Structure formats: structure tokens, C-alpha cells
Amino acid sequence: MTANEKALATFETRIRQMILRFQELKKENKSLYEMLQKNEQDMNQLRQKLEQQQSDYNSLKMARMIEITDGDLTGAKDRLSKLIRDVNKCIAILSDENQ
């Protein structure tokens, strides 16, 4: 076997190896694209579920607000008044510190 024949045989071997590697990478790429597509579908489903849950939560929150009884209303007013007093105290303290 001459040097040219050896070089040609080596070249052919390398080309075959490259073709095999290319086919492996092609399969891997296809698999990754399929995985990506599945993940995107899962994400979309989860987004829709989240939006539904948020809508349900807002509906329940609204229903709870409507459901407040007189006793709850009085308690809520008292808590709100206390919070307002606390905020006013904080504002007064901050105003004194700035002067």
C-alpha cells in the first residue's frame, strides 16, 4: 500500500466517522426539539391553570367581601381605623424627624 492509498483510506475512515457523528447529532437534535416542544406545551397548560386559579381566587375573594356580616363589618371598620391611626402616628414621627 502506497502512502497515497494509506492517506485515502484514512480520509475515507474519517469521513465515515464524521457521517456517523452527524447522524448521532441529528438524532439528538430531533430529540431535544421534541423535548422542547413538550416543555412548551406543559408551560402553556400550567399558565392556563394559573390564570384559572387566579380567577377563582379573585372570585372567592369578592364573594368573601360580599359575604361580610354586620359583626364582621364592625370589626373590619375597627381594624381599619386602628391601621389608619398607626399610619398617622408613623407620618407624624417621620415629619418630626425631617424638621
PDB file of N, CA and C in Angstrom:
ATOM      1  N   MET A   1       0.837  -1.173   0.000  1.00  0.00           N
ATOM      2  CA  MET A   1       0.000   0.000   0.000  1.00  0.00           C
ATOM      3  C   MET A   1       0.889   1.245   0.000  1.00  0.00           C
ATOM      4  N   THR A   2       0.619   2.133  -0.924  1.00  0.00           N
ATOM      5  CA  THR A   2       1.432   3.335  -1.045  1.00  0.00           C
ATOM      6  C   THR A   2       0.955   4.381  -0.044  1.00  0.00           C
ATOM      7  N   ALA A   3       1.708   5.416   0.086  1.00  0.00           N
ATOM      8  CA  ALA A   3       1.381   6.497   1.014  1.00  0.00           C
ATOM      9  C   ALA A   3       0.066   7.163   0.624  1.00  0.00           C
ATOM     10  N   ASN A   4      -0.166   7.309  -0.682  1.00  0.00           N
ATOM     11  CA  ASN A   4      -1.414   7.916  -1.154  1.00  0.00           C
ATOM     12  C   ASN A   4      -2.611   7.033  -0.812  1.00  0.00           C
ATOM     13  N   GLU A   5      -2.439   5.737  -0.971  1.00  0.00           N
ATOM     14  CA  GLU A   5      -3.542   4.815  -0.648  1.00  0.00           C
ATOM     15  C   GLU A   5      -3.838   4.832   0.842  1.00  0.00           C
ATOM     16  N   LYS A   6      -2.791   4.922   1.661  1.00  0.00           N
ATOM     17  CA  LYS A   6      -2.990   4.986   3.113  1.00  0.00           C
ATOM     18  C   LYS A   6      -3.705   6.285   3.487  1.00  0.00           C
ATOM     19  N   ALA A   7      -3.285   7.374   2.897  1.00  0.00           N
ATOM     20  CA  ALA A   7      -3.908   8.665   3.170  1.00  0.00           C
ATOM     21  C   ALA A   7      -5.373   8.655   2.743  1.00  0.00           C
ATOM     22  N   LEU A   8      -5.636   8.043   1.585  1.00  0.00           N
ATOM     23  CA  LEU A   8      -7.003   7.945   1.087  1.00  0.00           C
ATOM     24  C   LEU A   8      -7.857   7.072   2.009  1.00  0.00           C
ATOM     25  N   ALA A   9      -7.308   5.972   2.491  1.00  0.00           N
ATOM     26  CA  ALA A   9      -8.040   5.088   3.403  1.00  0.00           C
ATOM     27  C   ALA A   9      -8.337   5.807   4.718  1.00  0.00           C
ATOM     28  N   THR A  10      -7.350   6.532   5.227  1.00  0.00           N
ATOM     29  CA  THR A  10      -7.544   7.312   6.457  1.00  0.00           C
ATOM     30  C   THR A  10      -8.609   8.378   6.242  1.00  0.00           C
ATOM     31  N   PHE A  11      -8.554   9.033   5.097  1.00  0.00           N
ATOM     32  CA  PHE A  11      -9.542  10.059   4.771  1.00  0.00           C
ATOM     33  C   PHE A  11     -10.946   9.469   4.727  1.00  0.00           C
ATOM     34  N   GLU A  12     -11.091   8.310   4.076  1.00  0.00           N
ATOM     35  CA  GLU A  12     -12.400   7.637   3.996  1.00  0.00           C
ATOM     36  C   GLU A  12     -12.904   7.274   5.389  1.00  0.00           C
ATOM     37  N   THR A  13     -11.999   6.773   6.228  1.00  0.00           N
ATOM     38  CA  THR A  13     -12.383   6.409   7.596  1.00  0.00           C
ATOM     39  C   THR A  13     -12.876   7.631   8.361  1.00  0.00           C
ATOM     40  N   ARG A  14     -12.154   8.716   8.233  1.00  0.00           N
ATOM     41  CA  ARG A  14     -12.547   9.955   8.928  1.00  0.00           C
ATOM     42  C   ARG A  14     -13.899  10.475   8.414  1.00  0.00           C
ATOM     43  N   ILE A  15     -14.100  10.379   7.116  1.00  0.00           N
ATOM     44  CA  ILE A  15     -15.382  10.815   6.533  1.00  0.00           C
ATOM     45  C   ILE A  15     -16.519   9.960   7.082  1.00  0.00           C
ATOM     46  N   ARG A  16     -16.320   8.643   7.156  1.00  0.00           N
ATOM     47  CA  ARG A  16     -17.361   7.751   7.708  1.00  0.00           C
ATOM     48  C   ARG A  16     -17.645   8.097   9.162  1.00  0.00           C
ATOM     49  N   GLN A  17     -16.587   8.370   9.924  1.00  0.00           N
ATOM     50  CA  GLN A  17     -16.763   8.748  11.324  1.00  0.00           C
ATOM     51  C   GLN A  17     -17.555  10.056  11.443  1.00  0.00           C
ATOM     52  N   MET A  18     -17.224  11.000  10.568  1.00  0.00           N
ATOM     53  CA  MET A  18     -17.956  12.273  10.572  1.00  0.00           C
ATOM     54  C   MET A  18     -19.419  12.068  10.221  1.00  0.00           C
ATOM     55  N   ILE A  19     -19.706  11.214   9.255  1.00  0.00           N
ATOM     56  CA  ILE A  19     -21.089  10.936   8.853  1.00  0.00           C
ATOM     57  C   ILE A  19     -21.845  10.295  10.010  1.00  0.00           C
ATOM     58  N   LEU A  20     -21.217   9.323  10.685  1.00  0.00           N
ATOM     59  CA  LEU A  20     -21.861   8.677  11.831  1.00  0.00           C
ATOM     60  C   LEU A  20     -22.120   9.684  12.955  1.00  0.00           C
ATOM     61  N   ARG A  21     -21.143  10.524  13.217  1.00  0.00           N
ATOM     62  CA  ARG A  21     -21.308  11.543  14.267  1.00  0.00           C
ATOM     63  C   ARG A  21     -22.405  12.524  13.889  1.00  0.00           C
ATOM     64  N   PHE A  22     -22.462  12.900  12.621  1.00  0.00           N
ATOM     65  CA  PHE A  22     -23.505  13.793  12.140  1.00  0.00           C
ATOM     66  C   PHE A  22     -24.881  13.176  12.355  1.00  0.00           C
ATOM     67  N   GLN A  23     -25.026  11.883  12.037  1.00  0.00           N
ATOM     68  CA  GLN A  23     -26.309  11.208  12.221  1.00  0.00           C
ATOM     69  C   GLN A  23     -26.688  11.140  13.702  1.00  0.00           C
ATOM     70  N   GLU A  24     -25.711  10.900  14.571  1.00  0.00           N
ATOM     71  CA  GLU A  24     -25.982  10.895  16.009  1.00  0.00           C
ATOM     72  C   GLU A  24     -26.457  12.265  16.486  1.00  0.00           C
ATOM     73  N   LEU A  25     -25.771  13.299  16.029  1.00  0.00           N
ATOM     74  CA  LEU A  25     -26.143  14.661  16.415  1.00  0.00           C
ATOM     75  C   LEU A  25     -27.518  15.043  15.878  1.00  0.00           C
ATOM     76  N   LYS A  26     -27.823  14.547  14.692  1.00  0.00           N
ATOM     77  CA  LYS A  26     -29.129  14.812  14.101  1.00  0.00           C
ATOM     78  C   LYS A  26     -30.238  14.197  14.956  1.00  0.00           C
ATOM     79  N   LYS A  27     -30.015  12.944  15.404  1.00  0.00           N
ATOM     80  CA  LYS A  27     -30.992  12.276  16.278  1.00  0.00           C
ATOM     81  C   LYS A  27     -31.124  13.016  17.609  1.00  0.00           C
ATOM     82  N   GLU A  28     -29.997  13.415  18.167  1.00  0.00           N
ATOM     83  CA  GLU A  28     -30.015  14.144  19.439  1.00  0.00           C
ATOM     84  C   GLU A  28     -30.751  15.470  19.292  1.00  0.00           C
ATOM     85  N   ASN A  29     -30.498  16.160  18.192  1.00  0.00           N
ATOM     86  CA  ASN A  29     -31.159  17.433  17.924  1.00  0.00           C
ATOM     87  C   ASN A  29     -32.671  17.246  17.826  1.00  0.00           C
ATOM     88  N   LYS A  30     -33.090  16.197  17.114  1.00  0.00           N
ATOM     89  CA  LYS A  30     -34.517  15.907  16.976  1.00  0.00           C
ATOM     90  C   LYS A  30     -35.129  15.632  18.345  1.00  0.00           C
ATOM     91  N   SER A  31     -34.431  14.849  19.149  1.00  0.00           N
ATOM     92  CA  SER A  31     -34.909  14.523  20.492  1.00  0.00           C
ATOM     93  C   SER A  31     -35.038  15.785  21.350  1.00  0.00           C
ATOM     94  N   LEU A  32     -34.058  16.668  21.266  1.00  0.00           N
ATOM     95  CA  LEU A  32     -34.100  17.904  22.040  1.00  0.00           C
ATOM     96  C   LEU A  32     -35.235  18.817  21.590  1.00  0.00           C
ATOM     97  N   TYR A  33     -35.474  18.878  20.289  1.00  0.00           N
ATOM     98  CA  TYR A  33     -36.594  19.678  19.800  1.00  0.00           C
ATOM     99  C   TYR A  33     -37.934  19.117  20.280  1.00  0.00           C
ATOM    100  N   GLU A  34     -38.062  17.802  20.305  1.00  0.00           N
ATOM    101  CA  GLU A  34     -39.287  17.188  20.806  1.00  0.00           C
ATOM    102  C   GLU A  34     -39.470  17.495  22.285  1.00  0.00           C
ATOM    103  N   MET A  35     -38.379  17.422  23.039  1.00  0.00           N
ATOM    104  CA  MET A  35     -38.440  17.729  24.468  1.00  0.00           C
ATOM    105  C   MET A  35     -38.830  19.192  24.685  1.00  0.00           C
ATOM    106  N   LEU A  36     -38.260  20.066  23.882  1.00  0.00           N
ATOM    107  CA  LEU A  36     -38.570  21.488  23.974  1.00  0.00           C
ATOM    108  C   LEU A  36     -40.044  21.739  23.681  1.00  0.00           C
ATOM    109  N   GLN A  37     -40.561  21.101  22.647  1.00  0.00           N
ATOM    110  CA  GLN A  37     -41.968  21.268  22.294  1.00  0.00           C
ATOM    111  C   GLN A  37     -42.872  20.772  23.421  1.00  0.00           C
ATOM    112  N   LYS A  38     -42.534  19.627  24.022  1.00  0.00           N
ATOM    113  CA  LYS A  38     -43.320  19.103  25.129  1.00  0.00           C
ATOM    114  C   LYS A  38     -43.283  20.060  26.317  1.00  0.00           C
ATOM    115  N   ASN A  39     -42.103  20.589  26.620  1.00  0.00           N
ATOM    116  CA  ASN A  39     -41.982  21.536  27.726  1.00  0.00           C
ATOM    117  C   ASN A  39     -42.795  22.808  27.480  1.00  0.00           C
ATOM    118  N   GLU A  40     -42.817  23.276  26.249  1.00  0.00           N
ATOM    119  CA  GLU A  40     -43.619  24.457  25.916  1.00  0.00           C
ATOM    120  C   GLU A  40     -45.103  24.165  26.088  1.00  0.00           C
ATOM    121  N   GLN A  41     -45.542  22.980  25.694  1.00  0.00           N
ATOM    122  CA  GLN A  41     -46.940  22.600  25.884  1.00  0.00           C
ATOM    123  C   GLN A  41     -47.267  22.538  27.372  1.00  0.00           C
ATOM    124  N   ASP A  42     -46.375  21.935  28.156  1.00  0.00           N
ATOM    125  CA  ASP A  42     -46.591  21.862  29.603  1.00  0.00           C
ATOM    126  C   ASP A  42     -46.665  23.252  30.212  1.00  0.00           C
ATOM    127  N   MET A  43     -45.770  24.143  29.762  1.00  0.00           N
ATOM    128  CA  MET A  43     -45.773  25.508  30.272  1.00  0.00           C
ATOM    129  C   MET A  43     -47.084  26.215  29.945  1.00  0.00           C
ATOM    130  N   ASN A  44     -47.573  26.039  28.736  1.00  0.00           N
ATOM    131  CA  ASN A  44     -48.830  26.674  28.347  1.00  0.00           C
ATOM    132  C   ASN A  44     -49.984  26.150  29.184  1.00  0.00           C
ATOM    133  N   GLN A  45     -49.994  24.842  29.436  1.00  0.00           N
ATOM    134  CA  GLN A  45     -51.044  24.272  30.279  1.00  0.00           C
ATOM    135  C   GLN A  45     -50.963  24.831  31.692  1.00  0.00           C
ATOM    136  N   LEU A  46     -49.758  24.933  32.219  1.00  0.00           N
ATOM    137  CA  LEU A  46     -49.583  25.469  33.566  1.00  0.00           C
ATOM    138  C   LEU A  46     -49.973  26.948  33.634  1.00  0.00           C
ATOM    139  N   ARG A  47     -49.654  27.700  32.569  1.00  0.00           N
ATOM    140  CA  ARG A  47     -50.063  29.106  32.517  1.00  0.00           C
ATOM    141  C   ARG A  47     -51.589  29.229  32.550  1.00  0.00           C
ATOM    142  N   GLN A  48     -52.253  28.393  31.758  1.00  0.00           N
ATOM    143  CA  GLN A  48     -53.712  28.423  31.741  1.00  0.00           C
ATOM    144  C   GLN A  48     -54.281  28.044  33.101  1.00  0.00           C
ATOM    145  N   LYS A  49     -53.685  27.044  33.724  1.00  0.00           N
ATOM    146  CA  LYS A  49     -54.146  26.614  35.054  1.00  0.00           C
ATOM    147  C   LYS A  49     -53.935  27.732  36.069  1.00  0.00           C
ATOM    148  N   LEU A  50     -52.792  28.417  35.996  1.00  0.00           N
ATOM    149  CA  LEU A  50     -52.520  29.534  36.897  1.00  0.00           C
ATOM    150  C   LEU A  50     -53.535  30.649  36.703  1.00  0.00           C
ATOM    151  N   GLU A  51     -53.821  30.985  35.459  1.00  0.00           N
ATOM    152  CA  GLU A  51     -54.801  32.036  35.184  1.00  0.00           C
ATOM    153  C   GLU A  51     -56.172  31.654  35.735  1.00  0.00           C
ATOM    154  N   GLN A  52     -56.544  30.380  35.585  1.00  0.00           N
ATOM    155  CA  GLN A  52     -57.824  29.909  36.114  1.00  0.00           C
ATOM    156  C   GLN A  52     -57.832  29.992  37.640  1.00  0.00           C
ATOM    157  N   GLN A  53     -56.728  29.596  38.259  1.00  0.00           N
ATOM    158  CA  GLN A  53     -56.633  29.644  39.717  1.00  0.00           C
ATOM    159  C   GLN A  53     -56.714  31.089  40.222  1.00  0.00           C
ATOM    160  N   GLN A  54     -56.053  32.004  39.510  1.00  0.00           N
ATOM    161  CA  GLN A  54     -56.112  33.407  39.909  1.00  0.00           C
ATOM    162  C   GLN A  54     -57.533  33.945  39.772  1.00  0.00           C
ATOM    163  N   SER A  55     -58.190  33.555  38.708  1.00  0.00           N
ATOM    164  CA  SER A  55     -59.570  33.982  38.505  1.00  0.00           C
ATOM    165  C   SER A  55     -60.468  33.425  39.606  1.00  0.00           C
ATOM    166  N   ASP A  56     -60.287  32.151  39.936  1.00  0.00           N
ATOM    167  CA  ASP A  56     -61.068  31.546  41.016  1.00  0.00           C
ATOM    168  C   ASP A  56     -60.797  32.238  42.345  1.00  0.00           C
ATOM    169  N   TYR A  57     -59.525  32.535  42.610  1.00  0.00           N
ATOM    170  CA  TYR A  57     -59.161  33.201  43.853  1.00  0.00           C
ATOM    171  C   TYR A  57     -59.817  34.578  43.933  1.00  0.00           C
ATOM    172  N   ASN A  58     -59.764  35.332  42.834  1.00  0.00           N
ATOM    173  CA  ASN A  58     -60.391  36.658  42.823  1.00  0.00           C
ATOM    174  C   ASN A  58     -61.893  36.561  43.027  1.00  0.00           C
ATOM    175  N   SER A  59     -62.506  35.538  42.446  1.00  0.00           N
ATOM    176  CA  SER A  59     -63.943  35.344  42.633  1.00  0.00           C
ATOM    177  C   SER A  59     -64.263  35.018  44.087  1.00  0.00           C
ATOM    178  N   LEU A  60     -63.464  34.147  44.681  1.00  0.00           N
ATOM    179  CA  LEU A  60     -63.681  33.797  46.087  1.00  0.00           C
ATOM    180  C   LEU A  60     -63.454  35.001  47.001  1.00  0.00           C
ATOM    181  N   LYS A  61     -62.436  35.779  46.679  1.00  0.00           N
ATOM    182  CA  LYS A  61     -62.153  36.973  47.470  1.00  0.00           C
ATOM    183  C   LYS A  61     -63.331  37.942  47.393  1.00  0.00           C
ATOM    184  N   MET A  62     -63.866  38.112  46.196  1.00  0.00           N
ATOM    185  CA  MET A  62     -65.009  39.012  46.014  1.00  0.00           C
ATOM    186  C   MET A  62     -66.229  38.465  46.755  1.00  0.00           C
ATOM    187  N   ALA A  63     -66.446  37.163  46.666  1.00  0.00           N
ATOM    188  CA  ALA A  63     -67.581  36.555  47.363  1.00  0.00           C
ATOM    189  C   ALA A  63     -67.434  36.731  48.864  1.00  0.00           C
ATOM    190  N   ARG A  64     -66.223  36.593  49.370  1.00  0.00           N
ATOM    191  CA  ARG A  64     -65.974  36.768  50.804  1.00  0.00           C
ATOM    192  C   ARG A  64     -66.246  38.200  51.226  1.00  0.00           C
ATOM    193  N   MET A  65     -65.879  39.139  50.381  1.00  0.00           N
ATOM    194  CA  MET A  65     -66.132  40.540  50.720  1.00  0.00           C
ATOM    195  C   MET A  65     -67.625  40.830  50.751  1.00  0.00           C
ATOM    196  N   ILE A  66     -68.357  40.223  49.850  1.00  0.00           N
ATOM    197  CA  ILE A  66     -69.808  40.436  49.797  1.00  0.00           C
ATOM    198  C   ILE A  66     -70.483  39.744  50.981  1.00  0.00           C
ATOM    199  N   GLU A  67     -69.887  38.659  51.444  1.00  0.00           N
ATOM    200  CA  GLU A  67     -70.470  37.831  52.489  1.00  0.00           C
ATOM    201  C   GLU A  67     -70.309  38.410  53.894  1.00  0.00           C
ATOM    202  N   ILE A  68     -69.551  39.474  54.014  1.00  0.00           N
ATOM    203  CA  ILE A  68     -69.265  40.031  55.335  1.00  0.00           C
ATOM    204  C   ILE A  68     -70.568  40.377  56.059  1.00  0.00           C
ATOM    205  N   THR A  69     -70.674  39.895  57.287  1.00  0.00           N
ATOM    206  CA  THR A  69     -71.855  40.191  58.104  1.00  0.00           C
ATOM    207  C   THR A  69     -71.635  41.498  58.839  1.00  0.00           C
ATOM    208  N   ASP A  70     -72.664  41.964  59.558  1.00  0.00           N
ATOM    209  CA  ASP A  70     -72.556  43.234  60.278  1.00  0.00           C
ATOM    210  C   ASP A  70     -71.446  43.194  61.324  1.00  0.00           C
ATOM    211  N   GLY A  71     -71.335  42.076  62.046  1.00  0.00           N
ATOM    212  CA  GLY A  71     -70.277  41.943  63.046  1.00  0.00           C
ATOM    213  C   GLY A  71     -68.913  42.007  62.404  1.00  0.00           C
ATOM    214  N   ASP A  72     -68.775  41.350  61.285  1.00  0.00           N
ATOM    215  CA  ASP A  72     -67.508  41.392  60.563  1.00  0.00           C
ATOM    216  C   ASP A  72     -67.237  42.801  60.046  1.00  0.00           C
ATOM    217  N   LEU A  73     -68.286  43.484  59.630  1.00  0.00           N
ATOM    218  CA  LEU A  73     -68.138  44.835  59.116  1.00  0.00           C
ATOM    219  C   LEU A  73     -67.645  45.768  60.216  1.00  0.00           C
ATOM    220  N   THR A  74     -68.229  45.646  61.403  1.00  0.00           N
ATOM    221  CA  THR A  74     -67.807  46.486  62.521  1.00  0.00           C
ATOM    222  C   THR A  74     -66.358  46.189  62.886  1.00  0.00           C
ATOM    223  N   GLY A  75     -66.018  44.906  62.943  1.00  0.00           N
ATOM    224  CA  GLY A  75     -64.645  44.517  63.247  1.00  0.00           C
ATOM    225  C   GLY A  75     -63.680  45.031  62.192  1.00  0.00           C
ATOM    226  N   ALA A  76     -64.090  44.934  60.933  1.00  0.00           N
ATOM    227  CA  ALA A  76     -63.250  45.417  59.844  1.00  0.00           C
ATOM    228  C   ALA A  76     -63.044  46.924  59.938  1.00  0.00           C
ATOM    229  N   LYS A  77     -64.120  47.650  60.281  1.00  0.00           N
ATOM    230  CA  LYS A  77     -64.001  49.103  60.431  1.00  0.00           C
ATOM    231  C   LYS A  77     -63.048  49.442  61.570  1.00  0.00           C
ATOM    232  N   ASP A  78     -63.159  48.710  62.690  1.00  0.00           N
ATOM    233  CA  ASP A  78     -62.279  48.952  63.829  1.00  0.00           C
ATOM    234  C   ASP A  78     -60.810  48.692  63.459  1.00  0.00           C
ATOM    235  N   ARG A  79     -60.574  47.580  62.762  1.00  0.00           N
ATOM    236  CA  ARG A  79     -59.200  47.263  62.354  1.00  0.00           C
ATOM    237  C   ARG A  79     -58.666  48.326  61.394  1.00  0.00           C
ATOM    238  N   LEU A  80     -59.516  48.765  60.490  1.00  0.00           N
ATOM    239  CA  LEU A  80     -59.107  49.792  59.536  1.00  0.00           C
ATOM    240  C   LEU A  80     -58.812  51.107  60.251  1.00  0.00           C
ATOM    241  N   SER A  81     -59.632  51.462  61.216  1.00  0.00           N
ATOM    242  CA  SER A  81     -59.402  52.691  61.989  1.00  0.00           C
ATOM    243  C   SER A  81     -58.079  52.609  62.733  1.00  0.00           C
ATOM    244  N   LYS A  82     -57.796  51.456  63.334  1.00  0.00           N
ATOM    245  CA  LYS A  82     -56.532  51.271  64.050  1.00  0.00           C
ATOM    246  C   LYS A  82     -55.354  51.397  63.095  1.00  0.00           C
ATOM    247  N   LEU A  83     -55.475  50.785  61.915  1.00  0.00           N
ATOM    248  CA  LEU A  83     -54.402  50.890  60.929  1.00  0.00           C
ATOM    249  C   LEU A  83     -54.179  52.344  60.504  1.00  0.00           C
ATOM    250  N   ILE A  84     -55.251  53.076  60.325  1.00  0.00           N
ATOM    251  CA  ILE A  84     -55.149  54.487  59.935  1.00  0.00           C
ATOM    252  C   ILE A  84     -54.460  55.286  61.032  1.00  0.00           C
ATOM    253  N   ARG A  85     -54.816  55.004  62.311  1.00  0.00           N
ATOM    254  CA  ARG A  85     -54.161  55.697  63.422  1.00  0.00           C
ATOM    255  C   ARG A  85     -52.666  55.383  63.444  1.00  0.00           C
ATOM    256  N   ASP A  86     -52.325  54.113  63.217  1.00  0.00           N
ATOM    257  CA  ASP A  86     -50.914  53.717  63.201  1.00  0.00           C
ATOM    258  C   ASP A  86     -50.159  54.425  62.079  1.00  0.00           C
ATOM    259  N   VAL A  87     -50.763  54.502  60.919  1.00  0.00           N
ATOM    260  CA  VAL A  87     -50.130  55.191  59.788  1.00  0.00           C
ATOM    261  C   VAL A  87     -49.967  56.673  60.104  1.00  0.00           C
ATOM    262  N   ASN A  88     -50.973  57.271  60.693  1.00  0.00           N
ATOM    263  CA  ASN A  88     -50.879  58.690  61.045  1.00  0.00           C
ATOM    264  C   ASN A  88     -49.772  58.932  62.055  1.00  0.00           C
ATOM    265  N   LYS A  89     -49.611  58.016  63.034  1.00  0.00           N
ATOM    266  CA  LYS A  89     -48.528  58.137  64.009  1.00  0.00           C
ATOM    267  C   LYS A  89     -47.181  58.065  63.308  1.00  0.00           C
ATOM    268  N   CYS A  90     -47.054  57.119  62.388  1.00  0.00           N
ATOM    269  CA  CYS A  90     -45.800  56.986  61.653  1.00  0.00           C
ATOM    270  C   CYS A  90     -45.486  58.236  60.835  1.00  0.00           C
ATOM    271  N   ILE A  91     -46.494  58.794  60.211  1.00  0.00           N
ATOM    272  CA  ILE A  91     -46.309  60.018  59.426  1.00  0.00           C
ATOM    273  C   ILE A  91     -45.866  61.157  60.333  1.00  0.00           C
ATOM    274  N   ALA A  92     -46.499  61.255  61.526  1.00  0.00           N
ATOM    275  CA  ALA A  92     -46.140  62.318  62.457  1.00  0.00           C
ATOM    276  C   ALA A  92     -44.703  62.159  62.911  1.00  0.00           C
ATOM    277  N   ILE A  93     -44.286  60.939  63.216  1.00  0.00           N
ATOM    278  CA  ILE A  93     -42.904  60.698  63.670  1.00  0.00           C
ATOM    279  C   ILE A  93     -41.928  61.056  62.545  1.00  0.00           C
ATOM    280  N   LEU A  94     -42.240  60.641  61.335  1.00  0.00           N
ATOM    281  CA  LEU A  94     -41.352  60.948  60.209  1.00  0.00           C
ATOM    282  C   LEU A  94     -41.290  62.455  59.947  1.00  0.00           C
ATOM    283  N   SER A  95     -42.417  63.124  60.111  1.00  0.00           N
ATOM    284  CA  SER A  95     -42.450  64.575  59.899  1.00  0.00           C
ATOM    285  C   SER A  95     -41.587  65.272  60.940  1.00  0.00           C
ATOM    286  N   ASP A  96     -41.651  64.814  62.196  1.00  0.00           N
ATOM    287  CA  ASP A  96     -40.842  65.403  63.256  1.00  0.00           C
ATOM    288  C   ASP A  96     -39.354  65.187  63.004  1.00  0.00           C
ATOM    289  N   GLU A  97     -38.994  64.007  62.479  1.00  0.00           N
ATOM    290  CA  GLU A  97     -37.586  63.712  62.219  1.00  0.00           C
ATOM    291  C   GLU A  97     -37.048  64.551  61.083  1.00  0.00           C
ATOM    292  N   ASN A  98     -37.874  64.885  60.104  1.00  0.00           N
ATOM    293  CA  ASN A  98     -37.421  65.657  58.945  1.00  0.00           C
ATOM    294  C   ASN A  98     -37.270  67.127  59.264  1.00  0.00           C
ATOM    295  N   GLN A  99     -37.857  67.599  60.315  1.00  0.00           N
ATOM    296  CA  GLN A  99     -37.794  69.032  60.638  1.00  0.00           C
ATOM    297  C   GLN A  99     -36.617  69.367  61.486  1.00  0.00           C
TER     298      GLN A  99
END
